[in-house]
PDB file of N, CA and C in Angstrom:
ATOM      1  N   UNK A   1     -48.126  16.296-100.255  1.00  0.00           N
ATOM      2  CA  UNK A   1     -47.643  14.940-100.309  1.00  0.00           C
ATOM      3  C   UNK A   1     -47.422  14.558-101.757  1.00  0.00           C
ATOM      4  N   UNK A   2     -46.412  13.730-101.953  1.00  0.00           N
ATOM      5  CA  UNK A   2     -46.109  13.260-103.300  1.00  0.00           C
ATOM      6  C   UNK A   2     -45.704  11.790-103.203  1.00  0.00           C
ATOM      7  N   UNK A   3     -46.149  10.998-104.163  1.00  0.00           N
ATOM      8  CA  UNK A   3     -45.814   9.577-104.205  1.00  0.00           C
ATOM      9  C   UNK A   3     -44.537   9.353-105.007  1.00  0.00           C
ATOM     10  N   UNK A   4     -43.770   8.332-104.618  1.00  0.00           N
ATOM     11  CA  UNK A   4     -42.535   8.021-105.342  1.00  0.00           C
ATOM     12  C   UNK A   4     -42.786   7.785-106.830  1.00  0.00           C
ATOM     13  N   UNK A   5     -43.902   7.159-107.153  1.00  0.00           N
ATOM     14  CA  UNK A   5     -44.208   6.887-108.555  1.00  0.00           C
ATOM     15  C   UNK A   5     -44.283   8.147-109.403  1.00  0.00           C
ATOM     16  N   UNK A   6     -44.578   9.283-108.796  1.00  0.00           N
ATOM     17  CA  UNK A   6     -44.656  10.547-109.533  1.00  0.00           C
ATOM     18  C   UNK A   6     -43.282  11.143-109.831  1.00  0.00           C
ATOM     19  N   UNK A   7     -42.244  10.595-109.212  1.00  0.00           N
ATOM     20  CA  UNK A   7     -40.908  11.181-109.379  1.00  0.00           C
ATOM     21  C   UNK A   7     -40.167  10.647-110.600  1.00  0.00           C
ATOM     22  N   UNK A   8     -40.836   9.851-111.423  1.00  0.00           N
ATOM     23  CA  UNK A   8     -40.206   9.317-112.630  1.00  0.00           C
ATOM     24  C   UNK A   8     -39.899  10.410-113.655  1.00  0.00           C
ATOM     25  N   UNK A   9     -40.422  11.615-113.442  1.00  0.00           N
ATOM     26  CA  UNK A   9     -40.138  12.733-114.353  1.00  0.00           C
ATOM     27  C   UNK A   9     -38.734  13.293-114.143  1.00  0.00           C
ATOM     28  N   UNK A  10     -38.062  12.860-113.078  1.00  0.00           N
ATOM     29  CA  UNK A  10     -36.706  13.336-112.797  1.00  0.00           C
ATOM     30  C   UNK A  10     -35.680  12.325-113.294  1.00  0.00           C
ATOM     31  N   UNK A  11     -34.572  12.821-113.820  1.00  0.00           N
ATOM     32  CA  UNK A  11     -33.523  11.980-114.387  1.00  0.00           C
ATOM     33  C   UNK A  11     -32.614  11.406-113.311  1.00  0.00           C
ATOM     34  N   UNK A  12     -31.984  10.305-113.624  1.00  0.00           N
ATOM     35  CA  UNK A  12     -31.010   9.648-112.754  1.00  0.00           C
ATOM     36  C   UNK A  12     -30.007  10.659-112.204  1.00  0.00           C
ATOM     37  N   UNK A  13     -29.802  10.620-110.893  1.00  0.00           N
ATOM     38  CA  UNK A  13     -28.804  11.471-110.262  1.00  0.00           C
ATOM     39  C   UNK A  13     -29.265  12.867-109.890  1.00  0.00           C
ATOM     40  N   UNK A  14     -30.477  13.240-110.258  1.00  0.00           N
ATOM     41  CA  UNK A  14     -30.954  14.586-109.928  1.00  0.00           C
ATOM     42  C   UNK A  14     -31.240  14.722-108.438  1.00  0.00           C
ATOM     43  N   UNK A  15     -31.181  15.967-107.963  1.00  0.00           N
ATOM     44  CA  UNK A  15     -31.612  16.292-106.600  1.00  0.00           C
ATOM     45  C   UNK A  15     -33.010  16.877-106.699  1.00  0.00           C
ATOM     46  N   UNK A  16     -33.917  16.257-105.977  1.00  0.00           N
ATOM     47  CA  UNK A  16     -35.320  16.660-105.994  1.00  0.00           C
ATOM     48  C   UNK A  16     -35.628  17.332-104.653  1.00  0.00           C
ATOM     49  N   UNK A  17     -36.091  18.566-104.714  1.00  0.00           N
ATOM     50  CA  UNK A  17     -36.465  19.296-103.503  1.00  0.00           C
ATOM     51  C   UNK A  17     -37.838  19.928-103.721  1.00  0.00           C
ATOM     52  N   UNK A  18     -38.398  20.569-102.698  1.00  0.00           N
ATOM     53  CA  UNK A  18     -39.740  21.148-102.876  1.00  0.00           C
ATOM     54  C   UNK A  18     -39.847  22.119-104.057  1.00  0.00           C
ATOM     55  N   UNK A  19     -38.807  22.889-104.313  1.00  0.00           N
ATOM     56  CA  UNK A  19     -38.853  23.818-105.449  1.00  0.00           C
ATOM     57  C   UNK A  19     -38.915  23.068-106.776  1.00  0.00           C
ATOM     58  N   UNK A  20     -38.141  21.988-106.901  1.00  0.00           N
ATOM     59  CA  UNK A  20     -38.166  21.184-108.128  1.00  0.00           C
ATOM     60  C   UNK A  20     -39.524  20.512-108.307  1.00  0.00           C
ATOM     61  N   UNK A  21     -40.098  20.026-107.210  1.00  0.00           N
ATOM     62  CA  UNK A  21     -41.425  19.405-107.283  1.00  0.00           C
ATOM     63  C   UNK A  21     -42.484  20.418-107.696  1.00  0.00           C
ATOM     64  N   UNK A  22     -42.423  21.617-107.136  1.00  0.00           N
ATOM     65  CA  UNK A  22     -43.380  22.667-107.501  1.00  0.00           C
ATOM     66  C   UNK A  22     -43.201  23.073-108.956  1.00  0.00           C
ATOM     67  N   UNK A  23     -41.956  23.114-109.416  1.00  0.00           N
ATOM     68  CA  UNK A  23     -41.681  23.472-110.804  1.00  0.00           C
ATOM     69  C   UNK A  23     -42.278  22.494-111.796  1.00  0.00           C
ATOM     70  N   UNK A  24     -42.434  21.242-111.390  1.00  0.00           N
ATOM     71  CA  UNK A  24     -43.041  20.216-112.248  1.00  0.00           C
ATOM     72  C   UNK A  24     -44.540  20.060-111.991  1.00  0.00           C
ATOM     73  N   UNK A  25     -45.087  20.904-111.099  1.00  0.00           N
ATOM     74  CA  UNK A  25     -46.513  20.854-110.819  1.00  0.00           C
ATOM     75  C   UNK A  25     -46.929  19.692-109.931  1.00  0.00           C
ATOM     76  N   UNK A  26     -45.992  19.087-109.205  1.00  0.00           N
ATOM     77  CA  UNK A  26     -46.313  17.940-108.365  1.00  0.00           C
ATOM     78  C   UNK A  26     -46.777  18.330-106.969  1.00  0.00           C
ATOM     79  N   UNK A  27     -46.400  19.513-106.512  1.00  0.00           N
ATOM     80  CA  UNK A  27     -46.859  20.051-105.226  1.00  0.00           C
ATOM     81  C   UNK A  27     -47.062  21.546-105.387  1.00  0.00           C
ATOM     82  N   UNK A  28     -47.757  22.130-104.421  1.00  0.00           N
ATOM     83  CA  UNK A  28     -47.910  23.582-104.429  1.00  0.00           C
ATOM     84  C   UNK A  28     -46.674  24.222-103.806  1.00  0.00           C
ATOM     85  N   UNK A  29     -46.254  25.305-104.361  1.00  0.00           N
ATOM     86  CA  UNK A  29     -45.077  26.016-103.885  1.00  0.00           C
ATOM     87  C   UNK A  29     -45.294  26.560-102.481  1.00  0.00           C
ATOM     88  N   UNK A  30     -44.245  26.503-101.662  1.00  0.00           N
ATOM     89  CA  UNK A  30     -44.277  27.117-100.349  1.00  0.00           C
ATOM     90  C   UNK A  30     -44.795  26.257 -99.219  1.00  0.00           C
ATOM     91  N   UNK A  31     -45.221  25.032 -99.502  1.00  0.00           N
ATOM     92  CA  UNK A  31     -45.727  24.161 -98.452  1.00  0.00           C
ATOM     93  C   UNK A  31     -44.732  23.040 -98.166  1.00  0.00           C
ATOM     94  N   UNK A  32     -44.838  22.475 -96.960  1.00  0.00           N
ATOM     95  CA  UNK A  32     -43.983  21.346 -96.613  1.00  0.00           C
ATOM     96  C   UNK A  32     -44.357  20.146 -97.468  1.00  0.00           C
ATOM     97  N   UNK A  33     -43.381  19.281 -97.712  1.00  0.00           N
ATOM     98  CA  UNK A  33     -43.584  18.126 -98.583  1.00  0.00           C
ATOM     99  C   UNK A  33     -43.278  16.837 -97.826  1.00  0.00           C
ATOM    100  N   UNK A  34     -44.205  15.876 -97.926  1.00  0.00           N
ATOM    101  CA  UNK A  34     -43.977  14.531 -97.414  1.00  0.00           C
ATOM    102  C   UNK A  34     -43.963  13.581 -98.600  1.00  0.00           C
ATOM    103  N   UNK A  35     -42.959  12.700 -98.660  1.00  0.00           N
ATOM    104  CA  UNK A  35     -42.836  11.724 -99.735  1.00  0.00           C
ATOM    105  C   UNK A  35     -43.393  10.397 -99.238  1.00  0.00           C
ATOM    106  N   UNK A  36     -44.334   9.839-100.000  1.00  0.00           N
ATOM    107  CA  UNK A  36     -44.972   8.567 -99.670  1.00  0.00           C
ATOM    108  C   UNK A  36     -44.433   7.466-100.574  1.00  0.00           C
ATOM    109  N   UNK A  37     -44.537   6.226-100.139  1.00  0.00           N
ATOM    110  CA  UNK A  37     -43.942   5.104-100.857  1.00  0.00           C
ATOM    111  C   UNK A  37     -44.785   4.486-101.946  1.00  0.00           C
ATOM    112  N   UNK A  38     -45.920   5.081-102.310  1.00  0.00           N
ATOM    113  CA  UNK A  38     -46.763   4.504-103.365  1.00  0.00           C
ATOM    114  C   UNK A  38     -46.085   4.632-104.722  1.00  0.00           C
ATOM    115  N   UNK A  39     -46.142   3.555-105.494  1.00  0.00           N
ATOM    116  CA  UNK A  39     -45.527   3.550-106.816  1.00  0.00           C
ATOM    117  C   UNK A  39     -44.072   3.124-106.738  1.00  0.00           C
ATOM    118  N   UNK A  40     -43.459   3.006-107.902  1.00  0.00           N
ATOM    119  CA  UNK A  40     -42.075   2.558-107.982  1.00  0.00           C
ATOM    120  C   UNK A  40     -41.170   3.698-108.402  1.00  0.00           C
ATOM    121  N   UNK A  41     -40.057   3.809-107.716  1.00  0.00           N
ATOM    122  CA  UNK A  41     -39.025   4.768-108.073  1.00  0.00           C
ATOM    123  C   UNK A  41     -38.120   4.096-109.093  1.00  0.00           C
ATOM    124  N   UNK A  42     -37.852   4.752-110.206  1.00  0.00           N
ATOM    125  CA  UNK A  42     -37.091   4.133-111.284  1.00  0.00           C
ATOM    126  C   UNK A  42     -35.652   4.628-111.369  1.00  0.00           C
ATOM    127  N   UNK A  43     -35.363   5.790-110.790  1.00  0.00           N
ATOM    128  CA  UNK A  43     -34.031   6.376-110.883  1.00  0.00           C
ATOM    129  C   UNK A  43     -33.446   6.639-109.503  1.00  0.00           C
ATOM    130  N   UNK A  44     -32.124   6.540-109.413  1.00  0.00           N
ATOM    131  CA  UNK A  44     -31.421   6.899-108.182  1.00  0.00           C
ATOM    132  C   UNK A  44     -31.455   8.418-108.052  1.00  0.00           C
ATOM    133  N   UNK A  45     -32.085   8.911-106.994  1.00  0.00           N
ATOM    134  CA  UNK A  45     -32.253  10.344-106.784  1.00  0.00           C
ATOM    135  C   UNK A  45     -31.832  10.726-105.369  1.00  0.00           C
ATOM    136  N   UNK A  46     -31.478  11.978-105.204  1.00  0.00           N
ATOM    137  CA  UNK A  46     -31.357  12.570-103.884  1.00  0.00           C
ATOM    138  C   UNK A  46     -32.632  13.358-103.682  1.00  0.00           C
ATOM    139  N   UNK A  47     -33.411  12.969-102.693  1.00  0.00           N
ATOM    140  CA  UNK A  47     -34.706  13.595-102.473  1.00  0.00           C
ATOM    141  C   UNK A  47     -34.670  14.332-101.142  1.00  0.00           C
ATOM    142  N   UNK A  48     -34.927  15.624-101.205  1.00  0.00           N
ATOM    143  CA  UNK A  48     -34.954  16.473-100.017  1.00  0.00           C
ATOM    144  C   UNK A  48     -36.400  16.869 -99.761  1.00  0.00           C
ATOM    145  N   UNK A  49     -36.925  16.473 -98.586  1.00  0.00           N
ATOM    146  CA  UNK A  49     -38.313  16.778 -98.230  1.00  0.00           C
ATOM    147  C   UNK A  49     -38.409  16.946 -96.719  1.00  0.00           C
ATOM    148  N   UNK A  50     -39.555  17.389 -96.278  1.00  0.00           N
ATOM    149  CA  UNK A  50     -39.764  17.634 -94.857  1.00  0.00           C
ATOM    150  C   UNK A  50     -40.067  16.351 -94.088  1.00  0.00           C
ATOM    151  N   UNK A  51     -40.579  15.324 -94.779  1.00  0.00           N
ATOM    152  CA  UNK A  51     -40.892  14.051 -94.135  1.00  0.00           C
ATOM    153  C   UNK A  51     -40.959  12.951 -95.195  1.00  0.00           C
ATOM    154  N   UNK A  52     -40.716  11.719 -94.742  1.00  0.00           N
ATOM    155  CA  UNK A  52     -40.756  10.541 -95.609  1.00  0.00           C
ATOM    156  C   UNK A  52     -41.498   9.431 -94.874  1.00  0.00           C
ATOM    157  N   UNK A  53     -42.296   8.661 -95.610  1.00  0.00           N
ATOM    158  CA  UNK A  53     -42.875   7.459 -95.012  1.00  0.00           C
ATOM    159  C   UNK A  53     -41.767   6.407 -94.946  1.00  0.00           C
ATOM    160  N   UNK A  54     -41.974   5.397 -94.110  1.00  0.00           N
ATOM    161  CA  UNK A  54     -40.990   4.317 -93.985  1.00  0.00           C
ATOM    162  C   UNK A  54     -40.793   3.616 -95.327  1.00  0.00           C
ATOM    163  N   UNK A  55     -41.889   3.354 -96.029  1.00  0.00           N
ATOM    164  CA  UNK A  55     -41.807   2.692 -97.331  1.00  0.00           C
ATOM    165  C   UNK A  55     -41.034   3.510 -98.350  1.00  0.00           C
ATOM    166  N   UNK A  56     -41.229   4.816 -98.339  1.00  0.00           N
ATOM    167  CA  UNK A  56     -40.499   5.689 -99.271  1.00  0.00           C
ATOM    168  C   UNK A  56     -39.004   5.627 -98.989  1.00  0.00           C
ATOM    169  N   UNK A  57     -38.623   5.716 -97.721  1.00  0.00           N
ATOM    170  CA  UNK A  57     -37.202   5.640 -97.350  1.00  0.00           C
ATOM    171  C   UNK A  57     -36.581   4.330 -97.828  1.00  0.00           C
ATOM    172  N   UNK A  58     -37.301   3.229 -97.636  1.00  0.00           N
ATOM    173  CA  UNK A  58     -36.794   1.916 -98.031  1.00  0.00           C
ATOM    174  C   UNK A  58     -36.595   1.820 -99.542  1.00  0.00           C
ATOM    175  N   UNK A  59     -37.552   2.299-100.307  1.00  0.00           N
ATOM    176  CA  UNK A  59     -37.443   2.230-101.769  1.00  0.00           C
ATOM    177  C   UNK A  59     -36.340   3.134-102.297  1.00  0.00           C
ATOM    178  N   UNK A  60     -36.192   4.312-101.724  1.00  0.00           N
ATOM    179  CA  UNK A  60     -35.131   5.236-102.136  1.00  0.00           C
ATOM    180  C   UNK A  60     -33.769   4.605-101.862  1.00  0.00           C
ATOM    181  N   UNK A  61     -33.595   4.032-100.673  1.00  0.00           N
ATOM    182  CA  UNK A  61     -32.327   3.404-100.295  1.00  0.00           C
ATOM    183  C   UNK A  61     -32.033   2.183-101.158  1.00  0.00           C
ATOM    184  N   UNK A  62     -33.057   1.415-101.520  1.00  0.00           N
ATOM    185  CA  UNK A  62     -32.869   0.211-102.328  1.00  0.00           C
ATOM    186  C   UNK A  62     -32.248   0.515-103.690  1.00  0.00           C
ATOM    187  N   UNK A  63     -32.493   1.711-104.204  1.00  0.00           N
ATOM    188  CA  UNK A  63     -31.914   2.116-105.494  1.00  0.00           C
ATOM    189  C   UNK A  63     -30.595   2.864-105.324  1.00  0.00           C
ATOM    190  N   UNK A  64     -30.155   3.015-104.080  1.00  0.00           N
ATOM    191  CA  UNK A  64     -28.911   3.739-103.829  1.00  0.00           C
ATOM    192  C   UNK A  64     -29.096   5.238-103.730  1.00  0.00           C
ATOM    193  N   UNK A  65     -30.339   5.687-103.633  1.00  0.00           N
ATOM    194  CA  UNK A  65     -30.624   7.115-103.520  1.00  0.00           C
ATOM    195  C   UNK A  65     -30.527   7.580-102.080  1.00  0.00           C
ATOM    196  N   UNK A  66     -30.806   8.854-101.883  1.00  0.00           N
ATOM    197  CA  UNK A  66     -30.708   9.465-100.568  1.00  0.00           C
ATOM    198  C   UNK A  66     -31.999  10.191-100.229  1.00  0.00           C
ATOM    199  N   UNK A  67     -32.475   9.990 -98.990  1.00  0.00           N
ATOM    200  CA  UNK A  67     -33.635  10.714 -98.467  1.00  0.00           C
ATOM    201  C   UNK A  67     -33.125  11.674 -97.406  1.00  0.00           C
ATOM    202  N   UNK A  68     -33.188  12.974 -97.694  1.00  0.00           N
ATOM    203  CA  UNK A  68     -32.701  13.994 -96.765  1.00  0.00           C
ATOM    204  C   UNK A  68     -33.874  14.777 -96.190  1.00  0.00           C
ATOM    205  N   UNK A  69     -33.958  14.822 -94.865  1.00  0.00           N
ATOM    206  CA  UNK A  69     -35.015  15.576 -94.199  1.00  0.00           C
ATOM    207  C   UNK A  69     -34.569  17.030 -94.082  1.00  0.00           C
ATOM    208  N   UNK A  70     -35.450  17.936 -94.510  1.00  0.00           N
ATOM    209  CA  UNK A  70     -35.176  19.367 -94.389  1.00  0.00           C
ATOM    210  C   UNK A  70     -36.160  19.968 -93.392  1.00  0.00           C
ATOM    211  N   UNK A  71     -35.750  21.036 -92.778  1.00  0.00           N
ATOM    212  CA  UNK A  71     -36.588  21.698 -91.782  1.00  0.00           C
ATOM    213  C   UNK A  71     -37.453  22.766 -92.447  1.00  0.00           C
ATOM    214  N   UNK A  72     -38.586  23.040 -91.867  1.00  0.00           N
ATOM    215  CA  UNK A  72     -39.473  24.085 -92.371  1.00  0.00           C
ATOM    216  C   UNK A  72     -40.558  24.365 -91.359  1.00  0.00           C
ATOM    217  N   UNK A  73     -41.095  25.562 -91.392  1.00  0.00           N
ATOM    218  CA  UNK A  73     -42.075  25.956 -90.386  1.00  0.00           C
ATOM    219  C   UNK A  73     -43.506  25.915 -90.888  1.00  0.00           C
ATOM    220  N   UNK A  74     -43.723  25.693 -92.175  1.00  0.00           N
ATOM    221  CA  UNK A  74     -45.082  25.693 -92.705  1.00  0.00           C
ATOM    222  C   UNK A  74     -45.717  24.320 -92.552  1.00  0.00           C
ATOM    223  N   UNK A  75     -47.021  24.271 -92.698  1.00  0.00           N
ATOM    224  CA  UNK A  75     -47.755  23.014 -92.525  1.00  0.00           C
ATOM    225  C   UNK A  75     -47.430  22.039 -93.664  1.00  0.00           C
ATOM    226  N   UNK A  76     -47.693  20.761 -93.430  1.00  0.00           N
ATOM    227  CA  UNK A  76     -47.495  19.743 -94.462  1.00  0.00           C
ATOM    228  C   UNK A  76     -48.471  19.946 -95.600  1.00  0.00           C
ATOM    229  N   UNK A  77     -47.995  19.705 -96.809  1.00  0.00           N
ATOM    230  CA  UNK A  77     -48.829  19.775 -97.999  1.00  0.00           C
ATOM    231  C   UNK A  77     -49.837  18.632 -97.939  1.00  0.00           C
ATOM    232  N   UNK A  78     -51.108  18.963 -97.929  1.00  0.00           N
ATOM    233  CA  UNK A  78     -52.138  17.921 -97.820  1.00  0.00           C
ATOM    234  C   UNK A  78     -52.709  17.555 -99.167  1.00  0.00           C
TER     235      UNK A  78
END
């Protein structure tokens, strides 16, 4: 799981996916990712994850970003 507030390390317009999150040390590589709405998102991003909380979706959309659900067979990152 990762909070929106942690995504401030990504620049405006970037696409954030599990590999990018793992590369920044925000999640462990190879596990499913759920994005939570805690914190403030500062940049318009395209975020690709296995699941999103309702609050995260709302905040991403409010900035004009995109929340894309991706499929995966591994368990959610706890």
